[in-house]
Full PDB file with SEQRES, HELIX, SHEET, SSBOND, CRYST1, ORIGX, SCALE, CONECT and MASTER records, all heavy atoms in Angstrom:
SEQRES   1 A   44  GLN SER LYS THR GLU GLY VAL PRO LEU LYS MET ILE LYS          
SEQRES   2 A   44  GLU PRO MET VAL LEU GLN PRO ILE GLY VAL GLY MET LYS          
SEQRES   3 A   44  LYS ASP GLU PRO VAL LEU LEU ALA LYS VAL ASN ALA ALA          
SEQRES   4 A   44  LEU MET ALA LEU ASP                                          
HELIX    1 AA1 PRO A   30  LEU A   43  1                                  14    
CRYST1    1.000    1.000    1.000  90.00  90.00  90.00 P 1           1          
ORIGX1      1.000000  0.000000  0.000000        0.00000                         
ORIGX2      0.000000  1.000000  0.000000        0.00000                         
ORIGX3      0.000000  0.000000  1.000000        0.00000                         
SCALE1      1.000000  0.000000  0.000000        0.00000                         
SCALE2      0.000000  1.000000  0.000000        0.00000                         
SCALE3      0.000000  0.000000  1.000000        0.00000                         
ATOM      1  N   GLN A   1      36.976  14.847 -39.351  1.00  0.00           N  
ATOM      2  CA  GLN A   1      35.986  14.315 -38.400  1.00  0.00           C  
ATOM      3  C   GLN A   1      36.181  14.916 -37.015  1.00  0.00           C  
ATOM      4  O   GLN A   1      35.215  15.212 -36.307  1.00  0.00           O  
ATOM      5  CB  GLN A   1      36.135  12.786 -38.328  1.00  0.00           C  
ATOM      6  CG  GLN A   1      35.198  12.092 -37.355  1.00  0.00           C  
ATOM      7  CD  GLN A   1      35.461  10.596 -37.291  1.00  0.00           C  
ATOM      8  OE1 GLN A   1      35.795   9.962 -38.294  1.00  0.00           O  
ATOM      9  NE2 GLN A   1      35.349  10.027 -36.103  1.00  0.00           N  
ATOM     10  N   SER A   2      37.450  15.142 -36.631  1.00  0.00           N  
ATOM     11  CA  SER A   2      37.747  15.650 -35.286  1.00  0.00           C  
ATOM     12  C   SER A   2      37.249  17.074 -35.060  1.00  0.00           C  
ATOM     13  O   SER A   2      37.105  17.508 -33.924  1.00  0.00           O  
ATOM     14  CB  SER A   2      39.265  15.593 -35.031  1.00  0.00           C  
ATOM     15  OG  SER A   2      39.948  16.596 -35.769  1.00  0.00           O  
ATOM     16  N   LYS A   3      36.976  17.788 -36.141  1.00  0.00           N  
ATOM     17  CA  LYS A   3      36.504  19.169 -36.024  1.00  0.00           C  
ATOM     18  C   LYS A   3      35.089  19.242 -35.438  1.00  0.00           C  
ATOM     19  O   LYS A   3      34.684  20.263 -34.897  1.00  0.00           O  
ATOM     20  CB  LYS A   3      36.547  19.851 -37.392  1.00  0.00           C  
ATOM     21  CG  LYS A   3      37.965  20.046 -37.913  1.00  0.00           C  
ATOM     22  CD  LYS A   3      37.975  20.601 -39.324  1.00  0.00           C  
ATOM     23  CE  LYS A   3      39.397  20.734 -39.850  1.00  0.00           C  
ATOM     24  NZ  LYS A   3      39.435  21.220 -41.259  1.00  0.00           N  
ATOM     25  N   THR A   4      34.366  18.135 -35.567  1.00  0.00           N  
ATOM     26  CA  THR A   4      33.000  18.101 -35.029  1.00  0.00           C  
ATOM     27  C   THR A   4      32.819  17.031 -33.956  1.00  0.00           C  
ATOM     28  O   THR A   4      31.826  17.016 -33.253  1.00  0.00           O  
ATOM     29  CB  THR A   4      31.980  17.823 -36.160  1.00  0.00           C  
ATOM     30  OG1 THR A   4      32.338  16.608 -36.840  1.00  0.00           O  
ATOM     31  CG2 THR A   4      31.971  18.971 -37.165  1.00  0.00           C  
ATOM     32  N   GLU A   5      33.822  16.134 -33.833  1.00  0.00           N  
ATOM     33  CA  GLU A   5      33.731  15.049 -32.851  1.00  0.00           C  
ATOM     34  C   GLU A   5      34.992  15.000 -31.999  1.00  0.00           C  
ATOM     35  O   GLU A   5      36.059  14.671 -32.488  1.00  0.00           O  
ATOM     36  CB  GLU A   5      33.543  13.694 -33.553  1.00  0.00           C  
ATOM     37  CG  GLU A   5      32.264  13.580 -34.366  1.00  0.00           C  
ATOM     38  CD  GLU A   5      32.165  12.248 -35.080  1.00  0.00           C  
ATOM     39  OE1 GLU A   5      32.819  11.278 -34.635  1.00  0.00           O  
ATOM     40  OE2 GLU A   5      31.454  12.170 -36.087  1.00  0.00           O  
ATOM     41  N   GLY A   6      34.865  15.332 -30.729  1.00  0.00           N  
ATOM     42  CA  GLY A   6      36.002  15.235 -29.824  1.00  0.00           C  
ATOM     43  C   GLY A   6      36.974  16.393 -29.934  1.00  0.00           C  
ATOM     44  O   GLY A   6      36.618  17.505 -30.323  1.00  0.00           O  
ATOM     45  N   VAL A   7      38.238  16.102 -29.624  1.00  0.00           N  
ATOM     46  CA  VAL A   7      39.294  17.113 -29.632  1.00  0.00           C  
ATOM     47  C   VAL A   7      39.822  17.300 -31.056  1.00  0.00           C  
ATOM     48  O   VAL A   7      40.190  16.321 -31.707  1.00  0.00           O  
ATOM     49  CB  VAL A   7      40.459  16.698 -28.701  1.00  0.00           C  
ATOM     50  CG1 VAL A   7      41.552  17.767 -28.697  1.00  0.00           C  
ATOM     51  CG2 VAL A   7      39.948  16.438 -27.295  1.00  0.00           C  
ATOM     52  N   PRO A   8      39.868  18.537 -31.560  1.00  0.00           N  
ATOM     53  CA  PRO A   8      40.355  18.781 -32.926  1.00  0.00           C  
ATOM     54  C   PRO A   8      41.816  18.349 -33.104  1.00  0.00           C  
ATOM     55  O   PRO A   8      42.647  18.549 -32.208  1.00  0.00           O  
ATOM     56  CB  PRO A   8      40.212  20.297 -33.089  1.00  0.00           C  
ATOM     57  CG  PRO A   8      39.201  20.699 -32.080  1.00  0.00           C  
ATOM     58  CD  PRO A   8      39.398  19.778 -30.915  1.00  0.00           C  
ATOM     59  N   LEU A   9      42.101  17.764 -34.265  1.00  0.00           N  
ATOM     60  CA  LEU A   9      43.460  17.332 -34.602  1.00  0.00           C  
ATOM     61  C   LEU A   9      43.993  18.149 -35.769  1.00  0.00           C  
ATOM     62  O   LEU A   9      43.232  18.791 -36.497  1.00  0.00           O  
ATOM     63  CB  LEU A   9      43.476  15.844 -34.971  1.00  0.00           C  
ATOM     64  CG  LEU A   9      42.940  14.825 -33.964  1.00  0.00           C  
ATOM     65  CD1 LEU A   9      43.086  13.420 -34.522  1.00  0.00           C  
ATOM     66  CD2 LEU A   9      43.654  14.947 -32.626  1.00  0.00           C  
ATOM     67  N   LYS A  10      45.298  18.090 -35.950  1.00  0.00           N  
ATOM     68  CA  LYS A  10      45.935  18.696 -37.117  1.00  0.00           C  
ATOM     69  C   LYS A  10      46.911  17.674 -37.706  1.00  0.00           C  
ATOM     70  O   LYS A  10      47.378  16.767 -37.003  1.00  0.00           O  
ATOM     71  CB  LYS A  10      46.696  19.968 -36.730  1.00  0.00           C  
ATOM     72  CG  LYS A  10      47.906  19.726 -35.834  1.00  0.00           C  
ATOM     73  CD  LYS A  10      48.662  21.015 -35.518  1.00  0.00           C  
ATOM     74  CE  LYS A  10      49.882  20.741 -34.625  1.00  0.00           C  
ATOM     75  NZ  LYS A  10      50.622  21.971 -34.286  1.00  0.00           N  
ATOM     76  N   MET A  11      47.176  17.801 -38.998  1.00  0.00           N  
ATOM     77  CA  MET A  11      48.100  16.893 -39.656  1.00  0.00           C  
ATOM     78  C   MET A  11      49.461  17.570 -39.793  1.00  0.00           C  
ATOM     79  O   MET A  11      49.555  18.688 -40.290  1.00  0.00           O  
ATOM     80  CB  MET A  11      47.573  16.486 -41.036  1.00  0.00           C  
ATOM     81  CG  MET A  11      48.471  15.510 -41.775  1.00  0.00           C  
ATOM     82  SD  MET A  11      47.669  14.773 -43.243  1.00  0.00           S  
ATOM     83  CE  MET A  11      47.472  16.226 -44.294  1.00  0.00           C  
ATOM     84  N   ILE A  12      50.513  16.887 -39.339  1.00  0.00           N  
ATOM     85  CA  ILE A  12      51.876  17.391 -39.517  1.00  0.00           C  
ATOM     86  C   ILE A  12      52.217  17.286 -41.008  1.00  0.00           C  
ATOM     87  O   ILE A  12      52.038  16.230 -41.615  1.00  0.00           O  
ATOM     88  CB  ILE A  12      52.877  16.572 -38.673  1.00  0.00           C  
ATOM     89  CG1 ILE A  12      52.520  16.642 -37.181  1.00  0.00           C  
ATOM     90  CG2 ILE A  12      54.301  17.058 -38.923  1.00  0.00           C  
ATOM     91  CD1 ILE A  12      52.567  18.031 -36.583  1.00  0.00           C  
ATOM     92  N   LYS A  13      52.668  18.368 -41.607  1.00  0.00           N  
ATOM     93  CA  LYS A  13      52.878  18.406 -43.062  1.00  0.00           C  
ATOM     94  C   LYS A  13      53.981  17.465 -43.548  1.00  0.00           C  
ATOM     95  O   LYS A  13      53.922  16.955 -44.665  1.00  0.00           O  
ATOM     96  CB  LYS A  13      53.191  19.836 -43.495  1.00  0.00           C  
ATOM     97  CG  LYS A  13      52.008  20.789 -43.365  1.00  0.00           C  
ATOM     98  CD  LYS A  13      52.361  22.171 -43.876  1.00  0.00           C  
ATOM     99  CE  LYS A  13      51.152  23.108 -43.772  1.00  0.00           C  
ATOM    100  NZ  LYS A  13      51.477  24.469 -44.273  1.00  0.00           N  
ATOM    101  N   GLU A  14      54.981  17.253 -42.696  1.00  0.00           N  
ATOM    102  CA  GLU A  14      56.105  16.381 -43.089  1.00  0.00           C  
ATOM    103  C   GLU A  14      55.695  14.913 -43.005  1.00  0.00           C  
ATOM    104  O   GLU A  14      55.279  14.440 -41.951  1.00  0.00           O  
ATOM    105  CB  GLU A  14      57.293  16.635 -42.159  1.00  0.00           C  
ATOM    106  CG  GLU A  14      58.520  15.823 -42.487  1.00  0.00           C  
ATOM    107  CD  GLU A  14      59.621  15.990 -41.452  1.00  0.00           C  
ATOM    108  OE1 GLU A  14      59.349  16.582 -40.379  1.00  0.00           O  
ATOM    109  OE2 GLU A  14      60.736  15.517 -41.701  1.00  0.00           O  
ATOM    110  N   PRO A  15      55.790  14.155 -44.109  1.00  0.00           N  
ATOM    111  CA  PRO A  15      55.426  12.731 -44.073  1.00  0.00           C  
ATOM    112  C   PRO A  15      56.345  11.926 -43.163  1.00  0.00           C  
ATOM    113  O   PRO A  15      57.536  12.245 -43.043  1.00  0.00           O  
ATOM    114  CB  PRO A  15      55.586  12.282 -45.525  1.00  0.00           C  
ATOM    115  CG  PRO A  15      55.587  13.537 -46.334  1.00  0.00           C  
ATOM    116  CD  PRO A  15      56.194  14.578 -45.456  1.00  0.00           C  
ATOM    117  N   MET A  16      55.800  10.904 -42.542  1.00  0.00           N  
ATOM    118  CA  MET A  16      56.624   9.990 -41.746  1.00  0.00           C  
ATOM    119  C   MET A  16      57.504   9.151 -42.673  1.00  0.00           C  
ATOM    120  O   MET A  16      58.692   8.983 -42.438  1.00  0.00           O  
ATOM    121  CB  MET A  16      55.730   9.087 -40.894  1.00  0.00           C  
ATOM    122  CG  MET A  16      54.916   9.818 -39.840  1.00  0.00           C  
ATOM    123  SD  MET A  16      55.921  10.425 -38.477  1.00  0.00           S  
ATOM    124  CE  MET A  16      56.077   8.932 -37.477  1.00  0.00           C  
ATOM    125  N   VAL A  17      56.892   8.608 -43.731  1.00  0.00           N  
ATOM    126  CA  VAL A  17      57.631   7.886 -44.774  1.00  0.00           C  
ATOM    127  C   VAL A  17      56.913   8.069 -46.106  1.00  0.00           C  
ATOM    128  O   VAL A  17      55.719   8.393 -46.141  1.00  0.00           O  
ATOM    129  CB  VAL A  17      57.766   6.361 -44.486  1.00  0.00           C  
ATOM    130  CG1 VAL A  17      58.628   6.084 -43.279  1.00  0.00           C  
ATOM    131  CG2 VAL A  17      56.400   5.709 -44.345  1.00  0.00           C  
ATOM    132  N   LEU A  18      57.658   7.840 -47.204  1.00  0.00           N  
ATOM    133  CA  LEU A  18      57.085   7.876 -48.543  1.00  0.00           C  
ATOM    134  C   LEU A  18      57.005   6.453 -49.085  1.00  0.00           C  
ATOM    135  O   LEU A  18      57.901   5.641 -48.847  1.00  0.00           O  
ATOM    136  CB  LEU A  18      57.956   8.721 -49.480  1.00  0.00           C  
ATOM    137  CG  LEU A  18      58.170  10.185 -49.092  1.00  0.00           C  
ATOM    138  CD1 LEU A  18      59.120  10.846 -50.088  1.00  0.00           C  
ATOM    139  CD2 LEU A  18      56.849  10.927 -49.048  1.00  0.00           C  
ATOM    140  N   GLN A  19      55.935   6.165 -49.814  1.00  0.00           N  
ATOM    141  CA  GLN A  19      55.760   4.833 -50.401  1.00  0.00           C  
ATOM    142  C   GLN A  19      55.371   4.960 -51.873  1.00  0.00           C  
ATOM    143  O   GLN A  19      54.222   5.273 -52.179  1.00  0.00           O  
ATOM    144  CB  GLN A  19      54.659   4.067 -49.673  1.00  0.00           C  
ATOM    145  CG  GLN A  19      54.914   3.860 -48.197  1.00  0.00           C  
ATOM    146  CD  GLN A  19      53.761   3.122 -47.545  1.00  0.00           C  
ATOM    147  OE1 GLN A  19      53.687   1.904 -47.581  1.00  0.00           O  
ATOM    148  NE2 GLN A  19      52.850   3.864 -46.962  1.00  0.00           N  
ATOM    149  N   PRO A  20      56.311   4.736 -52.794  1.00  0.00           N  
ATOM    150  CA  PRO A  20      55.968   4.792 -54.220  1.00  0.00           C  
ATOM    151  C   PRO A  20      54.962   3.692 -54.570  1.00  0.00           C  
ATOM    152  O   PRO A  20      55.170   2.527 -54.233  1.00  0.00           O  
ATOM    153  CB  PRO A  20      57.311   4.539 -54.921  1.00  0.00           C  
ATOM    154  CG  PRO A  20      58.351   4.770 -53.877  1.00  0.00           C  
ATOM    155  CD  PRO A  20      57.723   4.410 -52.572  1.00  0.00           C  
ATOM    156  N   ILE A  21      53.878   4.072 -55.224  1.00  0.00           N  
ATOM    157  CA  ILE A  21      52.840   3.110 -55.620  1.00  0.00           C  
ATOM    158  C   ILE A  21      52.950   2.849 -57.114  1.00  0.00           C  
ATOM    159  O   ILE A  21      52.908   3.788 -57.927  1.00  0.00           O  
ATOM    160  CB  ILE A  21      51.434   3.658 -55.296  1.00  0.00           C  
ATOM    161  CG1 ILE A  21      51.327   4.028 -53.820  1.00  0.00           C  
ATOM    162  CG2 ILE A  21      50.365   2.638 -55.688  1.00  0.00           C  
ATOM    163  CD1 ILE A  21      51.491   2.889 -52.852  1.00  0.00           C  
ATOM    164  N   GLY A  22      53.117   1.587 -57.489  1.00  0.00           N  
ATOM    165  CA  GLY A  22      53.268   1.242 -58.900  1.00  0.00           C  
ATOM    166  C   GLY A  22      52.492  -0.001 -59.276  1.00  0.00           C  
ATOM    167  O   GLY A  22      51.790  -0.601 -58.456  1.00  0.00           O  
ATOM    168  N   VAL A  23      52.629  -0.379 -60.537  1.00  0.00           N  
ATOM    169  CA  VAL A  23      51.994  -1.592 -61.057  1.00  0.00           C  
ATOM    170  C   VAL A  23      52.971  -2.748 -60.861  1.00  0.00           C  
ATOM    171  O   VAL A  23      54.145  -2.655 -61.237  1.00  0.00           O  
ATOM    172  CB  VAL A  23      51.673  -1.438 -62.559  1.00  0.00           C  
ATOM    173  CG1 VAL A  23      51.084  -2.731 -63.123  1.00  0.00           C  
ATOM    174  CG2 VAL A  23      50.709  -0.269 -62.767  1.00  0.00           C  
ATOM    175  N   GLY A  24      52.491  -3.830 -60.262  1.00  0.00           N  
ATOM    176  CA  GLY A  24      53.340  -4.997 -60.030  1.00  0.00           C  
ATOM    177  C   GLY A  24      53.278  -5.968 -61.192  1.00  0.00           C  
ATOM    178  O   GLY A  24      52.219  -6.210 -61.759  1.00  0.00           O  
ATOM    179  N   MET A  25      54.438  -6.533 -61.551  1.00  0.00           N  
ATOM    180  CA  MET A  25      54.538  -7.500 -62.654  1.00  0.00           C  
ATOM    181  C   MET A  25      55.530  -8.598 -62.300  1.00  0.00           C  
ATOM    182  O   MET A  25      56.347  -8.424 -61.391  1.00  0.00           O  
ATOM    183  CB  MET A  25      55.026  -6.805 -63.931  1.00  0.00           C  
ATOM    184  CG  MET A  25      54.046  -5.852 -64.560  1.00  0.00           C  
ATOM    185  SD  MET A  25      54.886  -4.683 -65.682  1.00  0.00           S  
ATOM    186  CE  MET A  25      55.465  -3.451 -64.503  1.00  0.00           C  
ATOM    187  N   LYS A  26      55.478  -9.693 -63.030  1.00  0.00           N  
ATOM    188  CA  LYS A  26      56.423 -10.779 -62.815  1.00  0.00           C  
ATOM    189  C   LYS A  26      57.836 -10.300 -63.151  1.00  0.00           C  
ATOM    190  O   LYS A  26      58.031  -9.512 -64.066  1.00  0.00           O  
ATOM    191  CB  LYS A  26      56.044 -11.978 -63.693  1.00  0.00           C  
ATOM    192  CG  LYS A  26      56.847 -13.249 -63.394  1.00  0.00           C  
ATOM    193  CD  LYS A  26      56.538 -14.350 -64.385  1.00  0.00           C  
ATOM    194  CE  LYS A  26      55.151 -14.888 -64.226  1.00  0.00           C  
ATOM    195  NZ  LYS A  26      54.923 -16.079 -65.100  1.00  0.00           N  
ATOM    196  N   LYS A  27      58.803 -10.789 -62.413  1.00  0.00           N  
ATOM    197  CA  LYS A  27      60.191 -10.410 -62.652  1.00  0.00           C  
ATOM    198  C   LYS A  27      60.685 -10.898 -64.018  1.00  0.00           C  
ATOM    199  O   LYS A  27      60.137 -11.832 -64.589  1.00  0.00           O  
ATOM    200  CB  LYS A  27      61.088 -11.016 -61.563  1.00  0.00           C  
ATOM    201  CG  LYS A  27      61.373 -10.081 -60.402  1.00  0.00           C  
ATOM    202  CD  LYS A  27      62.404 -10.684 -59.483  1.00  0.00           C  
ATOM    203  CE  LYS A  27      62.837  -9.712 -58.404  1.00  0.00           C  
ATOM    204  NZ  LYS A  27      63.549  -8.546 -58.910  1.00  0.00           N  
ATOM    205  N   ASP A  28      61.743 -10.254 -64.512  1.00  0.00           N  
ATOM    206  CA  ASP A  28      62.418 -10.639 -65.755  1.00  0.00           C  
ATOM    207  C   ASP A  28      61.496 -10.616 -66.963  1.00  0.00           C  
ATOM    208  O   ASP A  28      61.535 -11.512 -67.818  1.00  0.00           O  
ATOM    209  CB  ASP A  28      63.051 -12.038 -65.605  1.00  0.00           C  
ATOM    210  CG  ASP A  28      64.069 -12.086 -64.476  1.00  0.00           C  
ATOM    211  OD1 ASP A  28      64.833 -11.117 -64.342  1.00  0.00           O  
ATOM    212  OD2 ASP A  28      64.085 -13.085 -63.733  1.00  0.00           O  
ATOM    213  N   GLU A  29      60.645  -9.616 -67.017  1.00  0.00           N  
ATOM    214  CA  GLU A  29      59.790  -9.385 -68.183  1.00  0.00           C  
ATOM    215  C   GLU A  29      60.008  -7.938 -68.643  1.00  0.00           C  
ATOM    216  O   GLU A  29      59.155  -7.068 -68.464  1.00  0.00           O  
ATOM    217  CB  GLU A  29      58.315  -9.615 -67.829  1.00  0.00           C  
ATOM    218  CG  GLU A  29      57.957 -11.050 -67.481  1.00  0.00           C  
ATOM    219  CD  GLU A  29      58.027 -11.980 -68.689  1.00  0.00           C  
ATOM    220  OE1 GLU A  29      58.101 -11.478 -69.832  1.00  0.00           O  
ATOM    221  OE2 GLU A  29      58.019 -13.210 -68.491  1.00  0.00           O  
ATOM    222  N   PRO A  30      61.180  -7.664 -69.251  1.00  0.00           N  
ATOM    223  CA  PRO A  30      61.523  -6.281 -69.621  1.00  0.00           C  
ATOM    224  C   PRO A  30      60.607  -5.670 -70.672  1.00  0.00           C  
ATOM    225  O   PRO A  30      60.379  -4.460 -70.660  1.00  0.00           O  
ATOM    226  CB  PRO A  30      62.963  -6.404 -70.141  1.00  0.00           C  
ATOM    227  CG  PRO A  30      63.103  -7.828 -70.561  1.00  0.00           C  
ATOM    228  CD  PRO A  30      62.267  -8.606 -69.606  1.00  0.00           C  
ATOM    229  N   VAL A  31      60.078  -6.476 -71.576  1.00  0.00           N  
ATOM    230  CA  VAL A  31      59.195  -5.941 -72.619  1.00  0.00           C  
ATOM    231  C   VAL A  31      57.897  -5.440 -71.997  1.00  0.00           C  
ATOM    232  O   VAL A  31      57.435  -4.331 -72.274  1.00  0.00           O  
ATOM    233  CB  VAL A  31      58.908  -6.996 -73.708  1.00  0.00           C  
ATOM    234  CG1 VAL A  31      57.941  -6.432 -74.753  1.00  0.00           C  
ATOM    235  CG2 VAL A  31      60.197  -7.429 -74.379  1.00  0.00           C  
ATOM    236  N   LEU A  32      57.304  -6.270 -71.137  1.00  0.00           N  
ATOM    237  CA  LEU A  32      56.063  -5.877 -70.463  1.00  0.00           C  
ATOM    238  C   LEU A  32      56.296  -4.639 -69.601  1.00  0.00           C  
ATOM    239  O   LEU A  32      55.482  -3.709 -69.600  1.00  0.00           O  
ATOM    240  CB  LEU A  32      55.544  -7.031 -69.602  1.00  0.00           C  
ATOM    241  CG  LEU A  32      54.270  -6.752 -68.793  1.00  0.00           C  
ATOM    242  CD1 LEU A  32      53.112  -6.361 -69.708  1.00  0.00           C  
ATOM    243  CD2 LEU A  32      53.892  -7.967 -67.943  1.00  0.00           C  
ATOM    244  N   LEU A  33      57.414  -4.609 -68.875  1.00  0.00           N  
ATOM    245  CA  LEU A  33      57.735  -3.464 -68.029  1.00  0.00           C  
ATOM    246  C   LEU A  33      57.825  -2.180 -68.859  1.00  0.00           C  
ATOM    247  O   LEU A  33      57.258  -1.141 -68.489  1.00  0.00           O  
ATOM    248  CB  LEU A  33      59.057  -3.699 -67.295  1.00  0.00           C  
ATOM    249  CG  LEU A  33      59.568  -2.549 -66.421  1.00  0.00           C  
ATOM    250  CD1 LEU A  33      58.592  -2.227 -65.301  1.00  0.00           C  
ATOM    251  CD2 LEU A  33      60.944  -2.891 -65.845  1.00  0.00           C  
ATOM    252  N   ALA A  34      58.512  -2.250 -69.980  1.00  0.00           N  
ATOM    253  CA  ALA A  34      58.668  -1.079 -70.846  1.00  0.00           C  
ATOM    254  C   ALA A  34      57.325  -0.617 -71.400  1.00  0.00           C  
ATOM    255  O   ALA A  34      57.049   0.587 -71.475  1.00  0.00           O  
ATOM    256  CB  ALA A  34      59.638  -1.400 -71.984  1.00  0.00           C  
ATOM    257  N   LYS A  35      56.481  -1.579 -71.779  1.00  0.00           N  
ATOM    258  CA  LYS A  35      55.156  -1.248 -72.322  1.00  0.00           C  
ATOM    259  C   LYS A  35      54.292  -0.550 -71.261  1.00  0.00           C  
ATOM    260  O   LYS A  35      53.622   0.446 -71.547  1.00  0.00           O  
ATOM    261  CB  LYS A  35      54.452  -2.522 -72.798  1.00  0.00           C  
ATOM    262  CG  LYS A  35      55.085  -3.199 -73.997  1.00  0.00           C  
ATOM    263  CD  LYS A  35      54.721  -2.494 -75.281  1.00  0.00           C  
ATOM    264  CE  LYS A  35      55.237  -3.255 -76.495  1.00  0.00           C  
ATOM    265  NZ  LYS A  35      54.918  -2.549 -77.759  1.00  0.00           N  
ATOM    266  N   VAL A  36      54.299  -1.094 -70.038  1.00  0.00           N  
ATOM    267  CA  VAL A  36      53.484  -0.526 -68.955  1.00  0.00           C  
ATOM    268  C   VAL A  36      53.988   0.866 -68.589  1.00  0.00           C  
ATOM    269  O   VAL A  36      53.194   1.800 -68.408  1.00  0.00           O  
ATOM    270  CB  VAL A  36      53.481  -1.457 -67.723  1.00  0.00           C  
ATOM    271  CG1 VAL A  36      52.865  -0.758 -66.511  1.00  0.00           C  
ATOM    272  CG2 VAL A  36      52.718  -2.744 -68.030  1.00  0.00           C  
ATOM    273  N   ASN A  37      55.306   1.027 -68.478  1.00  0.00           N  
ATOM    274  CA  ASN A  37      55.858   2.346 -68.146  1.00  0.00           C  
ATOM    275  C   ASN A  37      55.507   3.391 -69.200  1.00  0.00           C  
ATOM    276  O   ASN A  37      55.144   4.526 -68.868  1.00  0.00           O  
ATOM    277  CB  ASN A  37      57.379   2.262 -67.983  1.00  0.00           C  
ATOM    278  CG  ASN A  37      57.802   1.729 -66.620  1.00  0.00           C  
ATOM    279  OD1 ASN A  37      57.032   1.778 -65.675  1.00  0.00           O  
ATOM    280  ND2 ASN A  37      59.016   1.225 -66.539  1.00  0.00           N  
ATOM    281  N   ALA A  38      55.610   3.006 -70.472  1.00  0.00           N  
ATOM    282  CA  ALA A  38      55.279   3.937 -71.557  1.00  0.00           C  
ATOM    283  C   ALA A  38      53.798   4.299 -71.531  1.00  0.00           C  
ATOM    284  O   ALA A  38      53.416   5.456 -71.757  1.00  0.00           O  
ATOM    285  CB  ALA A  38      55.653   3.315 -72.903  1.00  0.00           C  
ATOM    286  N   ALA A  39      52.948   3.308 -71.232  1.00  0.00           N  
ATOM    287  CA  ALA A  39      51.503   3.544 -71.181  1.00  0.00           C  
ATOM    288  C   ALA A  39      51.149   4.477 -70.017  1.00  0.00           C  
ATOM    289  O   ALA A  39      50.333   5.388 -70.171  1.00  0.00           O  
ATOM    290  CB  ALA A  39      50.762   2.217 -71.039  1.00  0.00           C  
ATOM    291  N   LEU A  40      51.755   4.269 -68.863  1.00  0.00           N  
ATOM    292  CA  LEU A  40      51.501   5.129 -67.705  1.00  0.00           C  
ATOM    293  C   LEU A  40      51.931   6.567 -67.985  1.00  0.00           C  
ATOM    294  O   LEU A  40      51.226   7.519 -67.648  1.00  0.00           O  
ATOM    295  CB  LEU A  40      52.235   4.603 -66.469  1.00  0.00           C  
ATOM    296  CG  LEU A  40      51.672   3.349 -65.804  1.00  0.00           C  
ATOM    297  CD1 LEU A  40      52.616   2.860 -64.706  1.00  0.00           C  
ATOM    298  CD2 LEU A  40      50.282   3.602 -65.221  1.00  0.00           C  
ATOM    299  N   MET A  41      53.090   6.716 -68.631  1.00  0.00           N  
ATOM    300  CA  MET A  41      53.575   8.052 -68.966  1.00  0.00           C  
ATOM    301  C   MET A  41      52.618   8.754 -69.921  1.00  0.00           C  
ATOM    302  O   MET A  41      52.308   9.943 -69.759  1.00  0.00           O  
ATOM    303  CB  MET A  41      54.969   7.939 -69.597  1.00  0.00           C  
ATOM    304  CG  MET A  41      55.654   9.278 -69.842  1.00  0.00           C  
ATOM    305  SD  MET A  41      56.069  10.155 -68.312  1.00  0.00           S  
ATOM    306  CE  MET A  41      57.462   9.171 -67.732  1.00  0.00           C  
ATOM    307  N   ALA A  42      52.118   8.014 -70.907  1.00  0.00           N  
ATOM    308  CA  ALA A  42      51.183   8.584 -71.889  1.00  0.00           C  
ATOM    309  C   ALA A  42      49.868   8.981 -71.220  1.00  0.00           C  
ATOM    310  O   ALA A  42      49.313  10.044 -71.498  1.00  0.00           O  
ATOM    311  CB  ALA A  42      50.933   7.574 -73.012  1.00  0.00           C  
ATOM    312  N   LEU A  43      49.363   8.136 -70.328  1.00  0.00           N  
ATOM    313  CA  LEU A  43      48.122   8.430 -69.603  1.00  0.00           C  
ATOM    314  C   LEU A  43      48.289   9.663 -68.720  1.00  0.00           C  
ATOM    315  O   LEU A  43      47.382  10.488 -68.604  1.00  0.00           O  
ATOM    316  CB  LEU A  43      47.713   7.231 -68.739  1.00  0.00           C  
ATOM    317  CG  LEU A  43      47.197   5.995 -69.472  1.00  0.00           C  
ATOM    318  CD1 LEU A  43      47.063   4.816 -68.494  1.00  0.00           C  
ATOM    319  CD2 LEU A  43      45.854   6.269 -70.139  1.00  0.00           C  
ATOM    320  N   ASP A  44      49.456   9.791 -68.111  1.00  0.00           N  
ATOM    321  CA  ASP A  44      49.718  10.932 -67.241  1.00  0.00           C  
ATOM    322  C   ASP A  44      49.772  12.233 -68.043  1.00  0.00           C  
ATOM    323  O   ASP A  44      49.173  13.237 -67.664  1.00  0.00           O  
ATOM    324  CB  ASP A  44      51.033  10.709 -66.494  1.00  0.00           C  
ATOM    325  CG  ASP A  44      51.139  11.536 -65.225  1.00  0.00           C  
ATOM    326  OD1 ASP A  44      50.084  11.954 -64.700  1.00  0.00           O  
ATOM    327  OD2 ASP A  44      52.255  11.762 -64.745  1.00  0.00           O  
TER     328      ASP A  44                                                      
MASTER        0    0    0    1    0    0    0    6  327    1    0    4          
END                                                                             
């Protein structure tokens, strides 16, 4: 947007922080966790 509006900006390539994004589930449900992880791996 800045290329056509105002002063042009650039993005610094180095991230400020990393945030892993995952599927949230109730704690102490190892079977469900294993099923979801296997499904995500297969989809990927």
